[in-house]
Structures are given as C-alpha cells and as structure tokens.
C-alpha cells in the first residue's frame, strides 16, 4: 500500500515551479498542484484510451518542475564523481525513465484523495522542506518535499513518504551496484531495466 502513496506523493513533485517570492516553496507546491490534479481529474482523459495523452501532459509538467540533475547527484552521492560528463547525462535520463516506469501507473490511479499543505521549513537561502498530507478514507500519509531554488525556480529533488526518502532508497540500490560494478556497468543495468516492460 505504501508504494501507491509514494506514487500519489510524486503527483505533487511534478508541481514545484514558480518565480521565487516570500513563502514560495509551500505556495509553489500548493498553487501549482492544481496543474497536475486538473490533468488527473479531466473527464476527457478518464478513458483507458486517453492514458498515453494523460501521461504526455504529465511528462511536460514533470520536465519543468523536477530538478533531475540535483536528484541524480544526491542519489549517487559520492559515486556521482565516478561518472564522466557523458555518463552523468545518460544516468539522469535513465533514472528519469526508471522512476517513470515505477510510478506512472500509481500516479494515474489517483482517485481524489485530499491533499493538505501544512507548512514549509526554510533550511537555507536556496533550500526548503514542504510538509503535506494525503488524506484517504482510512488514514493520513505524511509527505515531505525537499525543494531547491535554482535559477529563480523552486524545484523538487526528493520526496519523503512516511519517513522513507526516494533519494535514500535509490541511493542504497545504486551504491550496492557500484560497489561491485563500474559506472558503465551501472548504466547498462539501467538500460536493460528501462527496456524491460
């Protein structure tokens, strides 16, 4: 069940972009969440035949809202320095596809759960955490978004659902791979994972 709520949490991840201003981290998540929710709730996009159109609309929002390089760098941590520029670029692309394959269907299964935006905590001039909850008929799921200000735009680089960090979860997996394999072998593993349906 938790993996489904990670997917719902990622719904909000796609939304974190607007010019910086006072209270921008929380305001950005709250105001722009409607963009994704509008896509998910659009009656014209409810039929199964519209699934690919819906995914493409969400993909456009995702590309603008998510700091993929920051996510990738933090996920690999010290191993990021083992990759050359070309490998880093490919890793960012493959990691995006891995996340899409893992969470797309869960995001598309959104069924009007209530999202509450509680507060933000400013960590530094360019970093903050936004605390939210997804409320279902049976429970509340705490979700915290880590956002970074980059080129005047707040973007999400990590999501923590019930104290489980997306970055930390994948970091553990990739560290295990890189403990026994080269960066090129990691990329090959990811290429195969992306190709497998």
Protein backbone atom coordinates (compact mmCIF):
# COMPACT_ATOMS: atom_id res chain seq x y z
CA UNK A 1 0.00 0.00 0.00
CA UNK A 2 2.85 2.40 0.82
CA UNK A 3 4.20 2.23 -2.75
CA UNK A 4 0.85 3.54 -4.02
CA UNK A 5 1.10 6.53 -1.72
CA UNK A 6 4.64 7.17 -2.91
CA UNK A 7 3.07 7.46 -6.35
CA UNK A 8 0.46 9.86 -5.05
CA UNK A 9 3.21 11.80 -3.34
CA UNK A 10 5.01 12.09 -6.65
CA UNK A 11 1.89 13.73 -8.06
CA UNK A 12 2.85 16.82 -6.11
CA UNK A 13 6.51 16.55 -7.07
CA UNK A 14 5.63 17.49 -10.61
CA UNK A 15 4.25 20.81 -9.49
CA UNK A 16 7.01 22.72 -7.84
CA UNK A 17 7.87 25.63 -10.06
CA UNK A 18 7.16 29.35 -9.93
CA UNK A 19 9.20 32.52 -9.57
CA UNK A 20 10.76 32.90 -6.13
CA UNK A 21 8.90 35.06 -3.62
CA UNK A 22 8.13 35.05 0.10
CA UNK A 23 6.75 31.65 1.09
CA UNK A 24 7.46 30.37 -2.40
CA UNK A 25 8.25 26.73 -1.52
CA UNK A 26 4.85 25.96 0.03
CA UNK A 27 2.96 28.38 -2.20
CA UNK A 28 4.52 26.83 -5.26
CA UNK A 29 3.57 23.30 -4.28
CA UNK A 30 0.05 24.33 -3.32
CA UNK A 31 -0.78 26.63 -6.23
CA UNK A 32 0.77 24.54 -8.97
CA UNK A 33 -0.56 21.22 -7.69
CA UNK A 34 -3.77 22.13 -9.48
CA UNK A 35 -1.99 21.76 -12.82
CA UNK A 36 -1.41 18.06 -12.31
CA UNK A 37 -4.67 17.47 -10.49
CA UNK A 38 -6.54 19.11 -13.37
CA UNK A 39 -4.97 16.60 -15.74
CA UNK A 40 -5.76 13.67 -13.46
CA UNK A 41 -9.35 14.80 -12.92
CA UNK A 42 -10.11 15.77 -16.55
CA UNK A 43 -13.18 13.71 -17.57
CA UNK A 44 -11.98 13.65 -21.18
CA UNK A 45 -8.81 11.89 -20.01
CA UNK A 46 -10.57 9.27 -17.85
CA UNK A 47 -10.99 6.57 -20.54
CA UNK A 48 -8.23 4.00 -20.83
CA UNK A 49 -7.76 5.10 -24.43
CA UNK A 50 -6.58 8.52 -23.16
CA UNK A 51 -3.88 7.10 -20.87
CA UNK A 52 -0.99 7.99 -23.18
CA UNK A 53 -2.27 11.54 -23.70
CA UNK A 54 -2.54 11.97 -19.95
CA UNK A 55 0.98 10.64 -19.45
CA UNK A 56 2.35 13.05 -22.06
CA UNK A 57 0.65 16.01 -20.37
CA UNK A 58 2.13 14.98 -17.02
CA UNK A 59 5.52 14.46 -18.64
CA UNK A 60 5.61 18.09 -19.80
CA UNK A 61 4.85 19.29 -16.26
CA UNK A 62 7.44 16.91 -14.81
CA UNK A 63 10.18 18.16 -17.13
CA UNK A 64 9.63 21.73 -15.98
CA UNK A 65 9.18 21.06 -12.29
CA UNK A 66 11.70 18.43 -11.24
CA UNK A 67 15.40 19.12 -10.74
CA UNK A 68 16.61 15.89 -12.28
CA UNK A 69 20.31 16.72 -12.04
CA UNK A 70 20.03 17.54 -8.33
CA UNK A 71 18.02 14.37 -7.73
CA UNK A 72 20.57 12.29 -9.61
CA UNK A 73 23.59 13.89 -7.92
CA UNK A 74 22.12 13.40 -4.46
CA UNK A 75 21.05 9.86 -5.22
CA UNK A 76 24.52 8.81 -6.32
CA UNK A 77 26.18 10.95 -3.59
CA UNK A 78 29.96 10.35 -3.64
CA UNK A 79 29.57 7.99 -6.61
CA UNK A 80 28.47 10.95 -8.77
CA UNK A 81 32.16 11.89 -9.08
CA UNK A 82 32.95 8.48 -10.58
CA UNK A 83 30.88 9.30 -13.68
CA UNK A 84 32.21 11.44 -16.50
CA UNK A 85 30.02 14.16 -18.05
CA UNK A 86 28.54 11.88 -20.72
CA UNK A 87 27.80 9.15 -18.16
CA UNK A 88 26.14 11.69 -15.83
CA UNK A 89 23.92 12.93 -18.64
CA UNK A 90 22.87 9.40 -19.53
CA UNK A 91 22.33 8.48 -15.88
CA UNK A 92 19.98 11.45 -15.40
CA UNK A 93 17.99 10.34 -18.47
CA UNK A 94 17.85 6.67 -17.45
CA UNK A 95 16.99 7.44 -13.82
CA UNK A 96 14.07 9.55 -15.01
CA UNK A 97 12.81 6.62 -17.05
CA UNK A 98 13.23 4.20 -14.13
CA UNK A 99 11.15 6.48 -11.90
CA UNK A 100 8.53 6.91 -14.60
CA UNK A 101 8.18 3.15 -15.02
CA UNK A 102 7.98 2.66 -11.26
CA UNK A 103 5.40 5.35 -10.52
CA UNK A 104 3.43 6.35 -13.62
CA UNK A 105 0.58 3.88 -13.13
CA UNK A 106 0.33 4.74 -9.43
CA UNK A 107 0.06 8.44 -10.22
CA UNK A 108 -2.55 7.77 -12.89
CA UNK A 109 -4.60 5.78 -10.36
CA UNK A 110 -5.20 8.94 -8.29
CA UNK A 111 -8.83 8.92 -7.09
CA UNK A 112 -9.47 12.31 -5.49
CA UNK A 113 -7.68 11.74 -2.20
CA UNK A 114 -7.46 15.02 -0.28
CA UNK A 115 -4.09 16.77 -0.15
CA UNK A 116 -3.37 19.09 2.80
CA UNK A 117 -0.47 21.56 2.65
CA UNK A 118 0.72 22.09 6.22
CA UNK A 119 3.87 24.19 6.36
CA UNK A 120 7.31 24.88 4.98
CA UNK A 121 10.65 24.88 6.76
CA UNK A 122 13.35 27.08 5.27
CA UNK A 123 16.68 25.28 5.53
CA UNK A 124 18.84 27.91 3.81
CA UNK A 125 18.50 30.70 1.26
CA UNK A 126 18.00 28.17 -1.52
CA UNK A 127 16.65 25.06 0.22
CA UNK A 128 13.40 24.25 1.99
CA UNK A 129 11.12 21.41 3.02
CA UNK A 130 7.37 21.42 2.38
CA UNK A 131 5.17 19.29 4.63
CA UNK A 132 1.92 17.87 3.29
CA UNK A 133 -0.50 15.03 3.96
CA UNK A 134 -2.61 12.82 1.75
CA UNK A 135 -5.88 12.02 3.50
CA UNK A 136 -7.77 8.90 2.49
CA UNK A 137 -10.91 7.38 3.94
CA UNK A 138 -8.81 5.27 6.30
CA UNK A 139 -5.54 7.10 7.07
CA UNK A 140 -3.29 10.13 6.69
CA UNK A 141 0.01 9.78 4.84
CA UNK A 142 2.68 12.38 5.72
CA UNK A 143 4.71 13.51 2.72
CA UNK A 144 7.60 15.94 2.82
CA UNK A 145 9.13 17.53 -0.27
CA UNK A 146 12.71 18.75 -0.36
CA UNK A 147 13.00 21.67 -2.75
CA UNK A 148 15.88 23.73 -4.05
CA UNK A 149 15.94 27.20 -5.60
CA UNK A 150 17.71 27.02 -8.94
CA UNK A 151 17.70 29.89 -11.47
CA UNK A 152 14.86 31.59 -9.61
CA UNK A 153 12.65 28.49 -9.60
CA UNK A 154 11.83 26.13 -6.74
CA UNK A 155 12.20 22.52 -7.85
CA UNK A 156 11.79 19.24 -6.00
CA UNK A 157 14.81 16.98 -5.62
CA UNK A 158 13.50 14.47 -3.05
CA UNK A 159 10.23 13.24 -1.59
CA UNK A 160 9.89 11.56 1.80
CA UNK A 161 6.80 9.41 2.34
CA UNK A 162 6.25 8.09 5.88
CA UNK A 163 9.93 8.77 6.65
CA UNK A 164 11.14 6.90 3.54
CA UNK A 165 13.24 9.06 1.22
CA UNK A 166 13.11 8.46 -2.52
CA UNK A 167 16.74 9.59 -2.81
CA UNK A 168 17.93 7.38 0.06
CA UNK A 169 16.02 4.36 -1.22
CA UNK A 170 17.60 4.53 -4.69
CA UNK A 171 20.98 5.57 -3.29
CA UNK A 172 21.15 2.29 -1.38
CA UNK A 173 20.34 0.32 -4.52
CA UNK A 174 22.83 2.17 -6.73
CA UNK A 175 25.59 2.05 -4.08
CA UNK A 176 25.23 -1.72 -3.94
CA UNK A 177 25.57 -1.93 -7.72
CA UNK A 178 28.57 0.43 -7.84
CA UNK A 179 30.33 -1.43 -5.03
CA UNK A 180 30.79 -4.33 -7.47
CA UNK A 181 30.48 -2.67 -10.88
CA UNK A 182 31.86 0.22 -12.92
CA UNK A 183 29.73 3.27 -13.79
CA UNK A 184 29.38 1.91 -17.32
CA UNK A 185 28.05 -1.38 -15.94
CA UNK A 186 25.53 0.57 -13.81
CA UNK A 187 24.34 2.37 -16.93
CA UNK A 188 23.99 -0.94 -18.78
CA UNK A 189 21.91 -2.35 -15.91
CA UNK A 190 19.66 0.71 -16.09
CA UNK A 191 19.40 0.50 -19.88
CA UNK A 192 18.17 -3.08 -19.57
CA UNK A 193 15.74 -2.14 -16.79
CA UNK A 194 14.27 0.64 -18.91
CA UNK A 195 13.87 -1.65 -21.94
CA UNK A 196 12.16 -4.37 -19.92
CA UNK A 197 8.40 -3.84 -19.81
